[in-house]
């Protein structure tokens, strides 16, 4: 089990949270995604090591940007 936290910029509402959660959840091995909207913190839990590039790509696909994190 692995957990990593990223900071995502541009999220403003529940729809933003849903979009980011949906895209990250599609990455193979991801078991949970928790988003804290006020801080932009996105905690990703997976059953193994996760590629930071894969998470960045998923966040970009949702229309946002990873500004810091694992």
C-alpha atoms as a PDB file:
ATOM      1  CA  UNK A   1       0.000   0.000   0.000  1.00  0.00           C
ATOM      2  CA  UNK A   2       1.336   3.419  -0.956  1.00  0.00           C
ATOM      3  CA  UNK A   3       0.000   6.928  -0.272  1.00  0.00           C
ATOM      4  CA  UNK A   4       1.103  10.173  -1.899  1.00  0.00           C
ATOM      5  CA  UNK A   5      -0.235  13.719  -1.574  1.00  0.00           C
ATOM      6  CA  UNK A   6      -0.212  16.287  -4.366  1.00  0.00           C
ATOM      7  CA  UNK A   7      -1.287  19.930  -4.518  1.00  0.00           C
ATOM      8  CA  UNK A   8      -3.609  20.669  -7.415  1.00  0.00           C
ATOM      9  CA  UNK A   9      -4.378  24.225  -8.529  1.00  0.00           C
ATOM     10  CA  UNK A  10      -7.543  25.523 -10.144  1.00  0.00           C
ATOM     11  CA  UNK A  11     -10.192  23.457  -8.352  1.00  0.00           C
ATOM     12  CA  UNK A  12     -13.085  25.664  -7.240  1.00  0.00           C
ATOM     13  CA  UNK A  13     -16.123  23.432  -6.693  1.00  0.00           C
ATOM     14  CA  UNK A  14     -17.513  19.955  -6.236  1.00  0.00           C
ATOM     15  CA  UNK A  15     -17.506  19.349  -9.992  1.00  0.00           C
ATOM     16  CA  UNK A  16     -13.760  20.064 -10.048  1.00  0.00           C
ATOM     17  CA  UNK A  17     -13.230  17.550  -7.249  1.00  0.00           C
ATOM     18  CA  UNK A  18     -15.289  14.941  -9.110  1.00  0.00           C
ATOM     19  CA  UNK A  19     -13.348  15.450 -12.343  1.00  0.00           C
ATOM     20  CA  UNK A  20      -9.955  15.097 -10.663  1.00  0.00           C
ATOM     21  CA  UNK A  21     -11.106  12.113  -8.598  1.00  0.00           C
ATOM     22  CA  UNK A  22     -12.523  10.346 -11.661  1.00  0.00           C
ATOM     23  CA  UNK A  23      -9.388  10.806 -13.778  1.00  0.00           C
ATOM     24  CA  UNK A  24      -6.963   9.714 -11.041  1.00  0.00           C
ATOM     25  CA  UNK A  25      -9.162   6.732 -10.152  1.00  0.00           C
ATOM     26  CA  UNK A  26      -8.678   5.384 -13.684  1.00  0.00           C
ATOM     27  CA  UNK A  27      -4.930   4.885 -13.090  1.00  0.00           C
ATOM     28  CA  UNK A  28      -4.166   1.191 -12.626  1.00  0.00           C
ATOM     29  CA  UNK A  29      -3.585   0.334  -8.964  1.00  0.00           C
ATOM     30  CA  UNK A  30      -5.325   3.367  -7.445  1.00  0.00           C
ATOM     31  CA  UNK A  31      -7.569   2.290  -4.571  1.00  0.00           C
ATOM     32  CA  UNK A  32      -8.650   5.660  -3.144  1.00  0.00           C
ATOM     33  CA  UNK A  33      -8.557   9.375  -3.952  1.00  0.00           C
ATOM     34  CA  UNK A  34      -9.307  11.990  -1.272  1.00  0.00           C
ATOM     35  CA  UNK A  35      -9.524  15.673  -2.224  1.00  0.00           C
ATOM     36  CA  UNK A  36      -9.486  18.606   0.205  1.00  0.00           C
ATOM     37  CA  UNK A  37     -10.961  21.419  -1.884  1.00  0.00           C
ATOM     38  CA  UNK A  38      -9.942  24.384   0.341  1.00  0.00           C
ATOM     39  CA  UNK A  39      -6.244  23.434   0.289  1.00  0.00           C
ATOM     40  CA  UNK A  40      -6.097  21.686  -3.091  1.00  0.00           C
ATOM     41  CA  UNK A  41      -4.539  18.624  -1.437  1.00  0.00           C
ATOM     42  CA  UNK A  42      -5.162  15.371  -3.287  1.00  0.00           C
ATOM     43  CA  UNK A  43      -4.177  12.189  -1.460  1.00  0.00           C
ATOM     44  CA  UNK A  44      -3.870   9.122  -3.652  1.00  0.00           C
ATOM     45  CA  UNK A  45      -3.716   5.622  -2.207  1.00  0.00           C
ATOM     46  CA  UNK A  46      -2.604   2.739  -4.390  1.00  0.00           C
ATOM     47  CA  UNK A  47      -1.705  -0.906  -4.011  1.00  0.00           C
ATOM     48  CA  UNK A  48       1.864  -0.185  -5.167  1.00  0.00           C
ATOM     49  CA  UNK A  49       4.187   2.629  -6.170  1.00  0.00           C
ATOM     50  CA  UNK A  50       2.472   5.120  -8.461  1.00  0.00           C
ATOM     51  CA  UNK A  51       4.133   7.164 -11.190  1.00  0.00           C
ATOM     52  CA  UNK A  52       4.015  10.890 -10.443  1.00  0.00           C
ATOM     53  CA  UNK A  53       3.873  11.456 -14.207  1.00  0.00           C
ATOM     54  CA  UNK A  54       0.721   9.323 -14.429  1.00  0.00           C
ATOM     55  CA  UNK A  55      -0.945  11.369 -11.694  1.00  0.00           C
ATOM     56  CA  UNK A  56       0.119  14.648 -13.339  1.00  0.00           C
ATOM     57  CA  UNK A  57      -1.265  13.443 -16.693  1.00  0.00           C
ATOM     58  CA  UNK A  58      -4.593  12.442 -15.101  1.00  0.00           C
ATOM     59  CA  UNK A  59      -4.914  15.810 -13.361  1.00  0.00           C
ATOM     60  CA  UNK A  60      -4.120  17.617 -16.635  1.00  0.00           C
ATOM     61  CA  UNK A  61      -6.714  15.482 -18.427  1.00  0.00           C
ATOM     62  CA  UNK A  62      -9.262  16.779 -15.885  1.00  0.00           C
ATOM     63  CA  UNK A  63      -8.187  20.345 -16.704  1.00  0.00           C
ATOM     64  CA  UNK A  64      -6.039  21.171 -13.691  1.00  0.00           C
ATOM     65  CA  UNK A  65      -2.370  21.267 -12.726  1.00  0.00           C
ATOM     66  CA  UNK A  66      -0.277  19.539 -10.091  1.00  0.00           C
ATOM     67  CA  UNK A  67       1.795  22.311  -8.494  1.00  0.00           C
ATOM     68  CA  UNK A  68       3.521  20.271  -5.778  1.00  0.00           C
ATOM     69  CA  UNK A  69       3.722  16.796  -4.381  1.00  0.00           C
ATOM     70  CA  UNK A  70       5.172  13.349  -4.500  1.00  0.00           C
END
